[in-house]
Protein backbone atom coordinates (compact mmCIF):
# COMPACT_ATOMS: atom_id res chain seq x y z
CA MET A 1 -2.98 -28.98 5.74
CA LEU A 2 0.38 -26.96 6.41
CA THR A 3 -0.98 -25.81 9.34
CA PRO A 4 2.53 -26.58 11.73
CA MET A 5 4.83 -25.37 9.43
CA LYS A 6 2.55 -22.12 8.99
CA ASN A 7 2.51 -21.17 12.27
CA SER A 8 6.60 -22.23 13.07
CA ILE A 9 6.92 -19.32 10.23
CA ILE A 10 4.39 -16.96 12.06
CA LEU A 11 6.06 -17.28 15.27
CA CYS A 12 9.57 -16.24 13.61
CA VAL A 13 7.78 -13.28 12.03
CA ILE A 14 6.27 -12.49 15.61
CA PHE A 15 9.44 -13.14 17.33
CA LEU A 16 11.76 -10.70 15.19
CA SER A 17 8.97 -8.07 15.05
CA CYS A 18 8.93 -7.96 18.76
CA ILE A 19 13.10 -7.38 18.64
CA PHE A 20 12.83 -4.25 16.53
CA SER A 21 9.86 -3.01 18.32
CA SER A 22 11.52 -0.69 20.36
CA THR A 23 13.39 0.71 17.80
CA LEU A 24 11.20 1.18 15.50
CA ALA A 25 8.96 2.54 18.05
CA ALA A 26 11.56 5.39 18.59
CA GLY A 27 11.73 6.29 15.13
CA GLN A 28 7.55 6.74 14.80
CA ASN A 29 7.89 8.64 18.50
CA LYS A 30 10.19 11.26 16.62
CA THR A 31 7.38 12.06 14.18
CA GLY A 32 4.31 11.65 16.27
CA TRP A 33 4.08 15.33 15.95
CA LEU A 34 2.85 15.48 12.15
CA ASN A 35 -0.61 13.57 13.59
CA ASP A 36 -1.06 16.42 16.18
CA LYS A 37 -4.47 17.88 15.44
CA VAL A 38 -5.22 21.14 14.35
CA THR A 39 -8.83 23.25 14.21
CA ILE A 40 -8.80 26.50 12.04
CA ARG A 41 -11.11 28.86 10.53
CA PHE A 42 -10.22 31.37 7.87
CA GLN A 43 -12.21 33.43 5.18
CA GLU A 44 -9.50 35.48 3.41
CA GLU A 45 -7.29 35.41 5.70
CA SER A 46 -3.54 35.57 4.72
CA MET A 47 -1.29 32.45 4.61
CA SER A 48 1.03 33.66 7.29
CA ALA A 49 -2.07 34.01 9.45
CA VAL A 50 -3.61 30.56 9.11
CA LEU A 51 0.28 29.09 8.77
CA GLY A 52 1.11 31.34 12.30
CA GLY A 53 -2.36 30.16 13.85
CA ILE A 54 -1.46 26.31 12.95
CA ALA A 55 1.93 26.83 14.27
CA GLN A 56 0.73 28.23 17.52
CA GLN A 57 -1.52 25.69 18.11
CA THR A 58 0.97 22.52 17.15
CA GLY A 59 4.54 24.33 18.48
CA ILE A 60 5.73 22.90 14.84
CA ALA A 61 7.96 25.18 13.27
CA ILE A 62 7.01 26.07 9.33
CA LEU A 63 8.97 27.38 7.00
CA TYR A 64 7.64 27.94 3.28
CA ASP A 65 7.95 30.73 0.26
CA GLU A 66 8.35 34.11 1.23
CA LYS A 67 5.94 35.35 -1.51
CA LEU A 68 3.23 33.13 -0.39
CA ALA A 69 2.84 35.34 2.79
CA GLY A 70 0.26 37.93 1.87
CA GLN A 71 -1.76 35.01 -0.71
CA LYS A 72 -5.31 35.10 0.51
CA VAL A 73 -6.58 31.72 1.50
CA THR A 74 -10.18 30.07 2.52
CA GLY A 75 -11.38 26.95 4.45
CA TYR A 76 -11.79 25.29 7.62
CA TYR A 77 -10.17 21.96 9.20
CA LYS A 78 -11.52 20.77 12.15
CA ASN A 79 -9.47 18.43 14.08
CA VAL A 80 -7.50 17.50 10.84
CA LYS A 81 -3.67 15.76 11.46
CA PHE A 82 -1.16 18.67 10.94
CA SER A 83 0.33 17.06 7.54
CA GLU A 84 -3.31 16.60 6.51
CA ALA A 85 -3.54 20.50 7.09
CA ILE A 86 -0.57 21.57 5.94
CA ASN A 87 -1.41 19.36 2.10
CA ARG A 88 -4.47 20.89 1.91
CA LEU A 89 -3.20 24.39 2.11
CA PHE A 90 -1.16 23.83 -0.14
CA SER A 91 -3.24 21.57 -2.21
CA GLU A 92 -3.23 24.03 -5.54
CA LYS A 93 0.82 24.22 -5.17
CA ASN A 94 3.63 22.23 -7.27
CA LYS A 95 5.35 21.42 -3.68
CA SER A 96 7.68 19.21 -1.79
CA ILE A 97 7.38 18.60 1.81
CA GLN A 98 10.89 18.58 3.91
CA VAL A 99 10.33 16.60 7.66
CA PHE A 100 12.74 17.56 10.60
CA LYS A 101 11.91 14.85 12.91
CA SER A 102 14.31 15.81 15.86
CA GLU A 103 14.08 19.81 15.18
CA LYS A 104 9.93 19.60 15.20
CA LYS A 105 10.00 21.55 11.75
CA ILE A 106 8.77 21.17 7.97
CA VAL A 107 10.04 23.20 5.41
CA VAL A 108 7.50 23.33 2.24
CA LYS A 109 9.28 23.85 -0.74
CA THR A 110 7.17 25.73 -3.59
CA PHE A 111 8.19 25.79 -6.76
CA GLY A 112 10.47 28.69 -7.53
CA ALA A 113 11.28 29.54 -3.83
CA LYS A 114 13.98 31.45 -3.40
CA GLN A 115 13.76 32.95 0.15
CA PHE A 116 11.58 31.30 2.59
CA ILE A 117 9.59 32.57 5.79
CA LEU A 118 9.45 31.20 9.20
CA ALA A 119 5.18 31.28 10.00
CA THR A 120 4.33 32.66 13.27
CA SER A 121 1.60 34.24 14.95
CA GLY A 122 1.59 37.31 13.82
CA LYS A 123 0.05 38.75 10.27
CA ILE A 124 2.18 40.01 7.68
CA THR A 125 0.86 41.79 4.62
CA PRO A 126 2.61 42.05 1.01
CA ASP A 127 4.18 45.53 2.12
CA GLN A 128 5.40 44.91 5.67
CA PRO A 129 8.68 43.97 5.84
CA VAL A 130 9.83 40.89 7.09
CA ASP A 131 12.58 40.13 9.51
CA GLU A 132 15.80 38.78 8.81
CA ALA A 133 16.24 36.13 11.56
CA GLU A 134 12.16 34.87 9.90
CA THR A 135 13.86 34.27 6.86
CA MET A 136 15.88 31.40 5.05
CA THR A 137 17.45 31.29 1.62
CA VAL A 138 17.94 28.51 -0.83
CA ALA A 139 22.05 28.65 0.17
CA ASP A 140 20.97 28.58 3.74
CA LEU A 141 18.38 25.86 3.31
CA GLU A 142 20.93 23.41 1.70
CA LYS A 143 23.56 24.34 4.20
CA MET A 144 21.53 23.61 7.34
CA HIS A 145 20.50 19.86 5.33
CA LYS A 146 24.53 19.07 4.84
CA ARG A 147 25.48 20.19 8.13
CA GLN A 148 22.01 17.78 9.57
CA TYR A 149 23.11 15.33 7.30
CA LYS A 150 26.36 15.41 8.39
CA GLU A 151 25.53 15.08 11.73
CA TYR A 152 22.95 12.41 11.19
CA LYS A 153 25.97 10.31 9.54
CA GLU A 154 28.23 10.67 12.78
CA ARG A 155 25.24 10.12 15.19
CA ILE A 156 24.60 6.53 13.13
CA ALA A 157 28.58 5.69 13.35
CA ASP A 158 28.22 6.20 16.65
CA ASP A 159 28.50 2.56 18.20
CA ASN A 160 27.76 3.78 21.98
CA GLU A 161 24.91 5.92 21.39
CA ILE A 162 21.99 4.56 23.21
CA ILE A 163 19.02 3.74 20.80
CA THR A 164 16.72 1.65 22.68
CA ASP A 165 14.11 2.38 25.86
CA ASP A 166 16.22 -0.46 27.43
CA LYS A 167 18.95 1.77 27.28
CA LEU A 168 21.16 -0.80 24.56
CA THR A 169 23.80 0.87 22.51
CA ARG A 170 23.97 0.42 18.55
CA ALA A 171 26.82 -1.77 18.84
CA GLU A 172 24.96 -4.05 21.74
CA LEU A 173 21.92 -4.28 19.82
CA ARG A 174 23.59 -5.33 16.23
CA LYS A 175 25.57 -7.73 18.53
CA PHE A 176 21.75 -8.70 20.31
CA HIS A 177 20.38 -9.22 16.29
CA LYS A 178 22.62 -11.45 15.01
CA LYS A 179 22.82 -13.40 17.68
CA GLN A 180 19.03 -13.78 17.44
CA LEU A 181 19.53 -14.66 13.56
CA GLN A 182 21.71 -17.02 14.56
CA GLU A 183 19.55 -18.80 16.92
CA ILE A 184 16.89 -18.82 14.37
CA ALA A 185 18.89 -20.03 11.89
CA GLN A 186 20.18 -22.98 13.72
CA ARG A 187 16.63 -24.28 14.80
CA GLU A 188 15.78 -24.46 11.16
CA GLN A 189 18.46 -26.84 10.68
CA ASP A 190 17.66 -28.98 13.84
CA PRO A 191 15.20 -32.00 12.78
CA ASN A 192 14.58 -32.22 16.56
CA TYR A 193 13.28 -28.45 17.41
CA ARG A 194 9.86 -28.83 18.34
CA ASP A 195 7.15 -26.36 16.91
CA PRO A 196 5.95 -24.61 19.69
CA PHE A 197 1.74 -24.40 18.98
CA SER A 198 1.96 -28.07 17.60
CA LYS A 199 4.65 -29.51 19.96
CA MET A 200 5.79 -31.50 17.03
CA ALA A 201 9.25 -32.17 16.14
CA ARG A 202 10.59 -30.52 12.89
CA SER A 203 11.13 -34.07 11.52
CA GLU A 204 7.57 -35.02 12.18
CA VAL A 205 6.29 -32.31 10.69
CA GLN A 206 8.06 -32.81 7.56
CA ALA A 207 6.50 -36.25 7.45
CA LEU A 208 3.37 -35.44 8.27
CA HIS A 209 3.55 -32.46 5.47
CA ALA A 210 4.57 -35.61 3.36
CA LYS A 211 2.06 -37.92 3.38
CA GLN A 212 -0.68 -35.23 3.41
CA TYR A 213 0.49 -34.74 -0.28
CA ARG A 214 0.70 -38.21 -1.22
CA GLU A 215 -3.04 -38.56 0.49
CA ILE A 216 -4.19 -35.41 -2.30
CA GLN A 217 -2.17 -37.03 -5.07
CA GLU A 218 -4.39 -40.11 -4.44
CA ASN A 219 -7.28 -38.78 -3.94
CA GLU A 220 -7.26 -36.58 -7.07
CA LYS A 221 -6.83 -40.31 -9.23
CA ASN A 222 -9.65 -42.10 -6.95
CA LYS A 223 -13.18 -41.42 -8.87
CA LYS A 224 -14.71 -43.14 -5.98
CA ILE A 225 -14.11 -40.06 -3.71
CA ILE A 226 -17.74 -38.50 -3.21
CA ASP A 227 -17.97 -34.86 -4.27
CA ILE A 228 -18.92 -32.32 -0.66
CA PHE A 229 -20.79 -30.24 -3.04
CA THR A 230 -22.69 -32.57 -5.14
CA GLY A 231 -22.89 -35.75 -3.81
CA MET A 232 -21.82 -37.50 -6.60
CA SER A 233 -18.36 -39.63 -6.98
CA LYS A 234 -15.70 -38.06 -9.17
CA GLY A 235 -16.11 -41.02 -12.03
CA ASP A 236 -19.89 -39.98 -12.29
CA ILE A 237 -19.35 -36.23 -12.38
CA GLU A 238 -16.86 -36.73 -15.27
CA ILE A 239 -19.61 -38.81 -16.81
CA LEU A 240 -22.07 -36.25 -16.89
CA HIS A 241 -19.80 -33.64 -17.83
CA LYS A 242 -18.87 -35.71 -21.28
CA ARG A 243 -22.68 -36.62 -21.66
CA GLN A 244 -23.35 -32.61 -21.74
CA ALA A 245 -20.37 -31.39 -23.35
CA ASN A 246 -21.89 -34.01 -26.36
CA GLU A 247 -25.16 -32.26 -25.94
CA LEU A 248 -23.92 -29.13 -26.14
CA ARG A 249 -21.96 -30.04 -29.70
CA VAL A 250 -24.90 -31.96 -31.15
CA SER A 251 -27.51 -28.69 -29.92
CA LYS A 252 -25.00 -26.78 -31.67
CA GLN A 253 -25.92 -28.61 -35.31
CA ASP A 254 -29.13 -28.19 -35.32
CA ASP A 255 -31.44 -25.08 -35.31
CA PRO A 256 -33.83 -26.00 -31.73
CA PHE A 257 -36.47 -24.14 -33.48
CA SER A 258 -37.14 -24.98 -36.64
CA ASP A 259 -35.61 -28.45 -36.63
CA GLN A 260 -33.16 -27.67 -39.47
CA THR A 261 -29.62 -28.61 -39.59
CA PRO A 262 -26.98 -25.72 -40.53
CA GLN A 263 -26.86 -26.70 -44.33
CA GLU A 264 -30.51 -26.73 -44.67
CA ILE A 265 -30.89 -23.51 -43.06
CA LYS A 266 -27.87 -21.99 -45.40
CA ALA A 267 -29.70 -23.45 -48.32
CA LEU A 268 -32.85 -21.86 -47.29
CA HIS A 269 -31.11 -18.48 -46.70
CA ALA A 270 -29.24 -18.54 -50.17
CA LYS A 271 -32.79 -19.15 -52.09
CA GLN A 272 -34.32 -16.26 -50.02
CA TYR A 273 -31.66 -13.68 -51.25
CA LYS A 274 -32.23 -15.10 -54.99
CA GLU A 275 -35.99 -14.42 -54.96
CA LEU A 276 -35.10 -11.00 -53.28
CA MET A 277 -32.89 -10.48 -55.81
CA SER A 278 -35.31 -11.58 -58.49
CA ASP A 279 -38.09 -9.55 -57.31
CA ASN A 280 -35.78 -6.34 -57.05
CA LYS A 281 -34.95 -6.70 -60.89
CA SER A 282 -38.60 -7.24 -61.46
CA GLU A 283 -39.97 -3.76 -60.40
CA THR A 284 -40.77 -1.26 -62.97
CA THR A 285 -39.83 2.76 -61.91
CA ILE A 286 -42.76 4.96 -62.99
CA PRO A 287 -41.20 8.06 -65.03
């Protein structure tokens, strides 16, 4: 029975979870728009029209391969997540999807894409020119990625940025976490620290565990202990198992149907085979 120690560990985990929850929640909220619901029906519609409709419903900017703008697609998505709708729409394409959290924008990079177009609510046909303001080349995309990564590195290097709902700066939160980890480490070394669930000191919990382990070891050796399932003592169960094993070994030596030993059965088979071969030789062939 290790409940007190387990409770102590669970408490520490819950404690740390609560500490980081505000930071994690802030990160999750930035990508919550990926779960925005989409409902759209389309029958032989152009890819541009479908993506435009999805973009209009969700307010999410969608960049995709310009060559796919006029491709015809058919489907019906009812109250599905935005991320699921995009994956289903491009399910037959070799693709990767990049998500830009703060800008509420995604880039669907299909194999061989050279020029990317921004989804709009209007319909675009293959022979219709695309507004250059709504396109982006691979080179432009790479430049944007580098710029955004640079901005990200600068932001996380700023210790004065407020990153929690409690108005804590990055430096304050880091200091807070360090202090809490030190407190947890100190409690782990303190024999007088009391478990909040069992109200027992750590030394008392350790002594209890040692006692319980000794009892388990003693019970394993005590053949008078009664098994709760069979109602038999361990000693009686051992005797029963030995008797059953012996009966099984004997049963394998004798055939239960013919009452013959394996040696007698083997001799009988040899005799029958010899007689069969002799009969085959004595048969005459009719010309």
